[in-house]
Each structure stands twice: as C-alpha cells, then as structure tokens.
C-alpha cells in the first residue's frame, strides 16, 4: 500500500471512472435517497443555502446527487473529471447542468457560489493536495456560503489518513478531526458534523462535515 503523501505520478481518476461508468451508474446512480442521518445533513445544507441558491456538486459522477439537490429547489450543477459520467448525467437528468472539469480548479468566479457539495470526491486526491482544493472552495463561495463534505472516515486513537483499495482507483480515509483542521486552516468555520457507522454494503464509517465561509 502506498504511503500517505506518496505521488510518483498523477492518477487518471477521470479515465478510471470512464472505464466503469455504466456499471457504476447501475450500482449507485439511481435517484438519490440518502440514509436517514445523511439526509438530515443534506437537508440542513439546503436550508442554510436557501431557496434558489447556486450550488456546485464537485465530483458529481452520474449526477444523482446533483439532481437531488436540484429537486430541493437549489440551482445545483455538477462537475466531474469523467466525460463518460457527465454524458450519463446529462442523459439521465436533462433539466440539470453538468460539465466536465476538475474539482481542484472550479471554473467559477470567486465569491459566486452559495454552496458546494463534495460527496466522496475528495477521497481520490493525495492528502497533500487537499489544502489547495479547500482554499479554492473558500474563494468560490460567497461570504456565509456553505460547504458539505462526505467521506469514509477512520475512527480510533491511532487513526490517521489511510490509503485503501477503492474498487475504481486509489482512495483515502480521513479522520474527521484531521479534515476539520484543514477546513479551519482554509478559513472555514465548522457548523456541524455527522459520524455514522458503516451501513449495509459499506466497508467504512462515514463522516459529514458542514462548514461555512465567514467573510
């Protein structure tokens, strides 16, 4: 298993998801109906962003989460590295905007987004690149804009950032406290967090962190 921080070459995450786009969509790309606890976090996010707020789903995959947010009354749009995933999203949800692009460099003007969701999309980035992404999210948000992160977490006194054998491409578990610390360094204020046990079919517990840009 590669050590945390090791990055001899950039992994082609978009290409890896292109190769499994149809299977991934079949398994995970149905209409988004989050688990009860996670649904509470998404509902709180939508309420805090406010009606018709503009929201980026960073790493949208086949678009099911973007479509769910759009159905909550938000002006949600999705961005993903995988052209195949974006093509599926556009075909499945024709009333929602989807674009091919990198979540590391959101193609939006600074201070224009009311909210950002990154659900299981930061996990494929090497840990050393996460601070720059969070800083880019901070710049993209309006003052008092909100960010919601969801990721597989590591729990325990000795928990650290850990690489694991994700079925598509290498990924990382993050202790919630470690990610929350990076959010603070990027200028965010933590609003709420959720730690839940792994559900049926999941290998790891999940953390959701809701944060706000203050100024």
C-alpha atoms as a PDB file:
ATOM      1  CA  UNK A   1       0.000   0.000   0.000  1.00  0.00           C
ATOM      2  CA  UNK A   2       1.480   3.407  -0.888  1.00  0.00           C
ATOM      3  CA  UNK A   3       2.432   5.683   1.958  1.00  0.00           C
ATOM      4  CA  UNK A   4       0.349   8.770   2.634  1.00  0.00           C
ATOM      5  CA  UNK A   5       1.771  11.667   0.669  1.00  0.00           C
ATOM      6  CA  UNK A   6       3.389   9.446  -1.973  1.00  0.00           C
ATOM      7  CA  UNK A   7       2.564  10.596  -5.501  1.00  0.00           C
ATOM      8  CA  UNK A   8       5.017   9.409  -8.107  1.00  0.00           C
ATOM      9  CA  UNK A   9       2.522  10.242 -10.866  1.00  0.00           C
ATOM     10  CA  UNK A  10      -0.935  11.750 -11.067  1.00  0.00           C
ATOM     11  CA  UNK A  11      -3.599   9.070 -11.205  1.00  0.00           C
ATOM     12  CA  UNK A  12      -6.035   9.349 -14.104  1.00  0.00           C
ATOM     13  CA  UNK A  13      -9.167   9.414 -11.965  1.00  0.00           C
ATOM     14  CA  UNK A  14     -11.365  10.543 -14.845  1.00  0.00           C
ATOM     15  CA  UNK A  15     -10.136   7.710 -17.057  1.00  0.00           C
ATOM     16  CA  UNK A  16     -10.659   5.166 -14.295  1.00  0.00           C
ATOM     17  CA  UNK A  17     -14.279   6.226 -13.897  1.00  0.00           C
ATOM     18  CA  UNK A  18     -14.791   6.370 -17.667  1.00  0.00           C
ATOM     19  CA  UNK A  19     -13.940   2.672 -17.766  1.00  0.00           C
ATOM     20  CA  UNK A  20     -16.647   1.735 -15.247  1.00  0.00           C
ATOM     21  CA  UNK A  21     -19.190   4.496 -15.840  1.00  0.00           C
ATOM     22  CA  UNK A  22     -22.077   2.276 -16.916  1.00  0.00           C
ATOM     23  CA  UNK A  23     -21.545  -0.289 -14.148  1.00  0.00           C
ATOM     24  CA  UNK A  24     -21.074   2.435 -11.536  1.00  0.00           C
ATOM     25  CA  UNK A  25     -24.294   4.113 -12.638  1.00  0.00           C
ATOM     26  CA  UNK A  26     -26.163   0.808 -12.488  1.00  0.00           C
ATOM     27  CA  UNK A  27     -24.961   0.215  -8.921  1.00  0.00           C
ATOM     28  CA  UNK A  28     -25.047   3.726  -7.459  1.00  0.00           C
ATOM     29  CA  UNK A  29     -26.604   6.156  -9.918  1.00  0.00           C
ATOM     30  CA  UNK A  30     -30.285   5.764  -9.214  1.00  0.00           C
ATOM     31  CA  UNK A  31     -32.378   8.529  -7.799  1.00  0.00           C
ATOM     32  CA  UNK A  32     -30.556   9.773  -4.698  1.00  0.00           C
ATOM     33  CA  UNK A  33     -32.199   8.721  -1.446  1.00  0.00           C
ATOM     34  CA  UNK A  34     -29.585   9.192   1.267  1.00  0.00           C
ATOM     35  CA  UNK A  35     -29.633   7.335   4.541  1.00  0.00           C
ATOM     36  CA  UNK A  36     -31.712   8.983   7.252  1.00  0.00           C
ATOM     37  CA  UNK A  37     -28.788  10.567   9.107  1.00  0.00           C
ATOM     38  CA  UNK A  38     -27.075  11.770   5.941  1.00  0.00           C
ATOM     39  CA  UNK A  39     -30.417  13.051   4.668  1.00  0.00           C
ATOM     40  CA  UNK A  40     -30.553  15.312   7.718  1.00  0.00           C
ATOM     41  CA  UNK A  41     -27.183  16.834   6.808  1.00  0.00           C
ATOM     42  CA  UNK A  42     -28.199  17.400   3.198  1.00  0.00           C
ATOM     43  CA  UNK A  43     -31.484  18.919   4.336  1.00  0.00           C
ATOM     44  CA  UNK A  44     -29.693  21.279   6.709  1.00  0.00           C
ATOM     45  CA  UNK A  45     -27.285  22.253   3.928  1.00  0.00           C
ATOM     46  CA  UNK A  46     -30.163  23.012   1.532  1.00  0.00           C
ATOM     47  CA  UNK A  47     -31.986  25.086   4.147  1.00  0.00           C
ATOM     48  CA  UNK A  48     -28.872  27.067   5.052  1.00  0.00           C
ATOM     49  CA  UNK A  49     -28.035  27.761   1.402  1.00  0.00           C
ATOM     50  CA  UNK A  50     -31.579  28.990   0.838  1.00  0.00           C
ATOM     51  CA  UNK A  51     -34.078  28.755  -1.966  1.00  0.00           C
ATOM     52  CA  UNK A  52     -32.562  29.050  -5.447  1.00  0.00           C
ATOM     53  CA  UNK A  53     -29.043  29.210  -4.102  1.00  0.00           C
ATOM     54  CA  UNK A  54     -26.326  28.264  -6.613  1.00  0.00           C
ATOM     55  CA  UNK A  55     -24.585  25.034  -5.610  1.00  0.00           C
ATOM     56  CA  UNK A  56     -21.686  23.122  -7.138  1.00  0.00           C
ATOM     57  CA  UNK A  57     -21.677  19.333  -6.817  1.00  0.00           C
ATOM     58  CA  UNK A  58     -17.921  18.779  -7.078  1.00  0.00           C
ATOM     59  CA  UNK A  59     -17.281  15.314  -8.473  1.00  0.00           C
ATOM     60  CA  UNK A  60     -20.879  14.647  -9.480  1.00  0.00           C
ATOM     61  CA  UNK A  61     -20.440  11.229 -11.104  1.00  0.00           C
ATOM     62  CA  UNK A  62     -23.669  10.137 -12.848  1.00  0.00           C
ATOM     63  CA  UNK A  63     -25.500  13.166 -11.467  1.00  0.00           C
ATOM     64  CA  UNK A  64     -27.892  11.625  -8.946  1.00  0.00           C
ATOM     65  CA  UNK A  65     -26.791  13.832  -6.043  1.00  0.00           C
ATOM     66  CA  UNK A  66     -26.891  16.965  -8.209  1.00  0.00           C
ATOM     67  CA  UNK A  67     -30.412  16.073  -9.305  1.00  0.00           C
ATOM     68  CA  UNK A  68     -31.446  15.518  -5.675  1.00  0.00           C
ATOM     69  CA  UNK A  69     -30.176  18.981  -4.725  1.00  0.00           C
ATOM     70  CA  UNK A  70     -31.896  20.485  -7.754  1.00  0.00           C
ATOM     71  CA  UNK A  71     -35.159  18.888  -6.608  1.00  0.00           C
ATOM     72  CA  UNK A  72     -34.743  20.637  -3.239  1.00  0.00           C
ATOM     73  CA  UNK A  73     -35.058  23.978  -5.055  1.00  0.00           C
ATOM     74  CA  UNK A  74     -31.353  24.745  -5.408  1.00  0.00           C
ATOM     75  CA  UNK A  75     -29.662  25.893  -8.616  1.00  0.00           C
ATOM     76  CA  UNK A  76     -27.366  22.876  -8.479  1.00  0.00           C
ATOM     77  CA  UNK A  77     -24.914  21.959 -11.221  1.00  0.00           C
ATOM     78  CA  UNK A  78     -22.402  19.134 -11.407  1.00  0.00           C
ATOM     79  CA  UNK A  79     -18.760  18.922 -12.455  1.00  0.00           C
ATOM     80  CA  UNK A  80     -16.773  15.712 -12.947  1.00  0.00           C
ATOM     81  CA  UNK A  81     -13.445  14.657 -14.445  1.00  0.00           C
ATOM     82  CA  UNK A  82     -15.038  11.742 -16.309  1.00  0.00           C
ATOM     83  CA  UNK A  83     -16.606  12.658 -19.665  1.00  0.00           C
ATOM     84  CA  UNK A  84     -18.469   9.337 -19.637  1.00  0.00           C
ATOM     85  CA  UNK A  85     -20.034  10.136 -16.269  1.00  0.00           C
ATOM     86  CA  UNK A  86     -21.009  13.622 -17.439  1.00  0.00           C
ATOM     87  CA  UNK A  87     -22.590  12.143 -20.558  1.00  0.00           C
ATOM     88  CA  UNK A  88     -24.669   9.749 -18.452  1.00  0.00           C
ATOM     89  CA  UNK A  89     -25.666  12.575 -16.102  1.00  0.00           C
ATOM     90  CA  UNK A  90     -26.818  14.785 -18.983  1.00  0.00           C
ATOM     91  CA  UNK A  91     -28.870  11.956 -20.491  1.00  0.00           C
ATOM     92  CA  UNK A  92     -30.418  10.996 -17.143  1.00  0.00           C
ATOM     93  CA  UNK A  93     -31.185  14.500 -15.876  1.00  0.00           C
ATOM     94  CA  UNK A  94     -31.739  16.764 -18.941  1.00  0.00           C
ATOM     95  CA  UNK A  95     -33.011  19.651 -16.822  1.00  0.00           C
ATOM     96  CA  UNK A  96     -29.798  19.908 -14.802  1.00  0.00           C
ATOM     97  CA  UNK A  97     -26.437  21.376 -15.888  1.00  0.00           C
ATOM     98  CA  UNK A  98     -23.376  19.120 -15.957  1.00  0.00           C
ATOM     99  CA  UNK A  99     -19.846  19.926 -17.098  1.00  0.00           C
ATOM    100  CA  UNK A 100     -16.547  18.103 -17.499  1.00  0.00           C
ATOM    101  CA  UNK A 101     -13.866  19.686 -15.340  1.00  0.00           C
ATOM    102  CA  UNK A 102     -11.591  19.435 -12.330  1.00  0.00           C
ATOM    103  CA  UNK A 103     -12.797  19.983  -8.780  1.00  0.00           C
ATOM    104  CA  UNK A 104      -9.304  21.209  -7.943  1.00  0.00           C
ATOM    105  CA  UNK A 105      -9.791  24.269 -10.119  1.00  0.00           C
ATOM    106  CA  UNK A 106     -13.513  25.106 -10.197  1.00  0.00           C
ATOM    107  CA  UNK A 107     -14.337  27.082 -13.329  1.00  0.00           C
ATOM    108  CA  UNK A 108     -16.330  29.733 -11.459  1.00  0.00           C
ATOM    109  CA  UNK A 109     -15.622  33.311 -10.473  1.00  0.00           C
ATOM    110  CA  UNK A 110     -14.569  33.951  -6.902  1.00  0.00           C
ATOM    111  CA  UNK A 111     -17.386  34.656  -4.482  1.00  0.00           C
ATOM    112  CA  UNK A 112     -20.209  33.407  -6.726  1.00  0.00           C
ATOM    113  CA  UNK A 113     -21.376  30.112  -5.197  1.00  0.00           C
ATOM    114  CA  UNK A 114     -23.821  29.832  -2.302  1.00  0.00           C
ATOM    115  CA  UNK A 115     -22.842  26.259  -1.580  1.00  0.00           C
ATOM    116  CA  UNK A 116     -20.544  23.390  -2.539  1.00  0.00           C
ATOM    117  CA  UNK A 117     -21.023  19.646  -2.035  1.00  0.00           C
ATOM    118  CA  UNK A 118     -18.098  17.234  -2.256  1.00  0.00           C
ATOM    119  CA  UNK A 119     -19.514  13.786  -1.545  1.00  0.00           C
ATOM    120  CA  UNK A 120     -16.873  11.049  -1.839  1.00  0.00           C
ATOM    121  CA  UNK A 121     -14.938  13.045  -4.432  1.00  0.00           C
ATOM    122  CA  UNK A 122     -12.004  14.452  -2.445  1.00  0.00           C
ATOM    123  CA  UNK A 123     -11.095  10.912  -1.419  1.00  0.00           C
ATOM    124  CA  UNK A 124      -9.124  10.247  -4.611  1.00  0.00           C
ATOM    125  CA  UNK A 125      -6.788  13.217  -4.164  1.00  0.00           C
ATOM    126  CA  UNK A 126      -3.450  12.678  -2.451  1.00  0.00           C
ATOM    127  CA  UNK A 127      -3.589  14.266   1.029  1.00  0.00           C
ATOM    128  CA  UNK A 128      -1.032  16.951   0.178  1.00  0.00           C
ATOM    129  CA  UNK A 129      -3.382  18.402  -2.456  1.00  0.00           C
ATOM    130  CA  UNK A 130      -6.429  18.739  -0.193  1.00  0.00           C
ATOM    131  CA  UNK A 131      -5.470  22.134   1.378  1.00  0.00           C
ATOM    132  CA  UNK A 132      -5.305  23.805  -2.052  1.00  0.00           C
ATOM    133  CA  UNK A 133      -8.716  22.393  -3.005  1.00  0.00           C
ATOM    134  CA  UNK A 134     -10.320  23.635   0.209  1.00  0.00           C
ATOM    135  CA  UNK A 135      -8.758  27.067  -0.386  1.00  0.00           C
ATOM    136  CA  UNK A 136     -10.247  27.088  -3.908  1.00  0.00           C
ATOM    137  CA  UNK A 137     -13.666  26.171  -2.484  1.00  0.00           C
ATOM    138  CA  UNK A 138     -13.359  29.004   0.042  1.00  0.00           C
ATOM    139  CA  UNK A 139     -12.602  31.507  -2.715  1.00  0.00           C
ATOM    140  CA  UNK A 140     -15.527  30.304  -4.835  1.00  0.00           C
ATOM    141  CA  UNK A 141     -18.115  30.714  -2.069  1.00  0.00           C
ATOM    142  CA  UNK A 142     -19.922  33.900  -1.169  1.00  0.00           C
ATOM    143  CA  UNK A 143     -19.486  35.149   2.411  1.00  0.00           C
ATOM    144  CA  UNK A 144     -21.656  32.934   4.648  1.00  0.00           C
ATOM    145  CA  UNK A 145     -21.678  30.292   1.902  1.00  0.00           C
ATOM    146  CA  UNK A 146     -21.658  26.635   2.983  1.00  0.00           C
ATOM    147  CA  UNK A 147     -19.562  23.580   2.154  1.00  0.00           C
ATOM    148  CA  UNK A 148     -20.628  19.981   2.835  1.00  0.00           C
ATOM    149  CA  UNK A 149     -18.045  17.198   2.695  1.00  0.00           C
ATOM    150  CA  UNK A 150     -18.796  13.472   2.977  1.00  0.00           C
ATOM    151  CA  UNK A 151     -16.067  10.833   3.060  1.00  0.00           C
ATOM    152  CA  UNK A 152     -15.127   7.442   4.520  1.00  0.00           C
ATOM    153  CA  UNK A 153     -13.595   8.067   7.894  1.00  0.00           C
ATOM    154  CA  UNK A 154     -11.119   6.399  10.217  1.00  0.00           C
ATOM    155  CA  UNK A 155     -12.025   6.184  13.909  1.00  0.00           C
ATOM    156  CA  UNK A 156      -9.811   5.440  16.890  1.00  0.00           C
ATOM    157  CA  UNK A 157      -6.994   6.906  18.933  1.00  0.00           C
ATOM    158  CA  UNK A 158      -4.418   5.833  16.361  1.00  0.00           C
ATOM    159  CA  UNK A 159      -6.478   6.777  13.311  1.00  0.00           C
ATOM    160  CA  UNK A 160      -4.677   8.626  10.565  1.00  0.00           C
ATOM    161  CA  UNK A 161      -5.157   9.336   6.888  1.00  0.00           C
ATOM    162  CA  UNK A 162      -5.092   5.911   5.261  1.00  0.00           C
ATOM    163  CA  UNK A 163      -4.931   4.793   1.631  1.00  0.00           C
ATOM    164  CA  UNK A 164      -7.250   1.911   0.808  1.00  0.00           C
ATOM    165  CA  UNK A 165      -8.135  -0.316  -2.112  1.00  0.00           C
ATOM    166  CA  UNK A 166     -11.096   1.520  -3.597  1.00  0.00           C
ATOM    167  CA  UNK A 167     -12.735  -0.571  -6.324  1.00  0.00           C
ATOM    168  CA  UNK A 168     -12.194   2.104  -9.016  1.00  0.00           C
ATOM    169  CA  UNK A 169      -8.993   3.951  -8.123  1.00  0.00           C
ATOM    170  CA  UNK A 170      -6.858   4.548  -5.044  1.00  0.00           C
ATOM    171  CA  UNK A 171      -8.613   6.488  -2.303  1.00  0.00           C
ATOM    172  CA  UNK A 172      -8.104   7.705   1.260  1.00  0.00           C
ATOM    173  CA  UNK A 173      -9.929   7.541   4.565  1.00  0.00           C
ATOM    174  CA  UNK A 174      -9.791  10.722   6.630  1.00  0.00           C
ATOM    175  CA  UNK A 175     -10.285  11.142  10.381  1.00  0.00           C
ATOM    176  CA  UNK A 176     -12.959  13.808  10.830  1.00  0.00           C
ATOM    177  CA  UNK A 177     -10.764  15.879  13.149  1.00  0.00           C
ATOM    178  CA  UNK A 178      -7.941  15.923  10.605  1.00  0.00           C
ATOM    179  CA  UNK A 179     -10.213  17.147   7.802  1.00  0.00           C
ATOM    180  CA  UNK A 180     -11.860  19.663  10.147  1.00  0.00           C
ATOM    181  CA  UNK A 181      -8.430  21.075  10.938  1.00  0.00           C
ATOM    182  CA  UNK A 182      -7.726  21.623   7.241  1.00  0.00           C
ATOM    183  CA  UNK A 183     -11.084  23.359   6.898  1.00  0.00           C
ATOM    184  CA  UNK A 184     -10.134  25.769   9.692  1.00  0.00           C
ATOM    185  CA  UNK A 185      -6.771  26.455   8.047  1.00  0.00           C
ATOM    186  CA  UNK A 186      -8.605  27.264   4.796  1.00  0.00           C
ATOM    187  CA  UNK A 187     -10.742  29.856   6.591  1.00  0.00           C
ATOM    188  CA  UNK A 188     -13.898  27.832   7.258  1.00  0.00           C
ATOM    189  CA  UNK A 189     -15.919  27.617  10.454  1.00  0.00           C
ATOM    190  CA  UNK A 190     -17.273  24.176  11.261  1.00  0.00           C
ATOM    191  CA  UNK A 191     -21.061  24.281  11.680  1.00  0.00           C
ATOM    192  CA  UNK A 192     -21.904  20.619  12.282  1.00  0.00           C
ATOM    193  CA  UNK A 193     -20.567  17.119  11.816  1.00  0.00           C
ATOM    194  CA  UNK A 194     -22.003  13.633  11.497  1.00  0.00           C
ATOM    195  CA  UNK A 195     -20.178  10.403  12.223  1.00  0.00           C
ATOM    196  CA  UNK A 196     -22.146   7.267  11.410  1.00  0.00           C
ATOM    197  CA  UNK A 197     -21.409   3.572  11.346  1.00  0.00           C
ATOM    198  CA  UNK A 198     -20.991   1.785   8.041  1.00  0.00           C
ATOM    199  CA  UNK A 199     -24.328   0.863   6.504  1.00  0.00           C
ATOM    200  CA  UNK A 200     -25.067  -2.468   4.842  1.00  0.00           C
ATOM    201  CA  UNK A 201     -22.730  -2.914   1.912  1.00  0.00           C
ATOM    202  CA  UNK A 202     -20.262  -0.259   3.136  1.00  0.00           C
ATOM    203  CA  UNK A 203     -16.764  -1.027   4.381  1.00  0.00           C
ATOM    204  CA  UNK A 204     -16.111   2.077   6.462  1.00  0.00           C
ATOM    205  CA  UNK A 205     -17.865   4.564   8.735  1.00  0.00           C
ATOM    206  CA  UNK A 206     -18.781   7.905   7.187  1.00  0.00           C
ATOM    207  CA  UNK A 207     -18.079  11.472   8.227  1.00  0.00           C
ATOM    208  CA  UNK A 208     -20.031  14.507   7.018  1.00  0.00           C
ATOM    209  CA  UNK A 209     -18.657  17.956   7.797  1.00  0.00           C
ATOM    210  CA  UNK A 210     -20.734  21.093   7.277  1.00  0.00           C
ATOM    211  CA  UNK A 211     -18.676  24.284   7.224  1.00  0.00           C
ATOM    212  CA  UNK A 212     -19.195  27.967   6.441  1.00  0.00           C
ATOM    213  CA  UNK A 213     -17.115  30.718   4.900  1.00  0.00           C
ATOM    214  CA  UNK A 214     -17.472  33.668   7.244  1.00  0.00           C
ATOM    215  CA  UNK A 215     -16.153  36.619   5.227  1.00  0.00           C
END
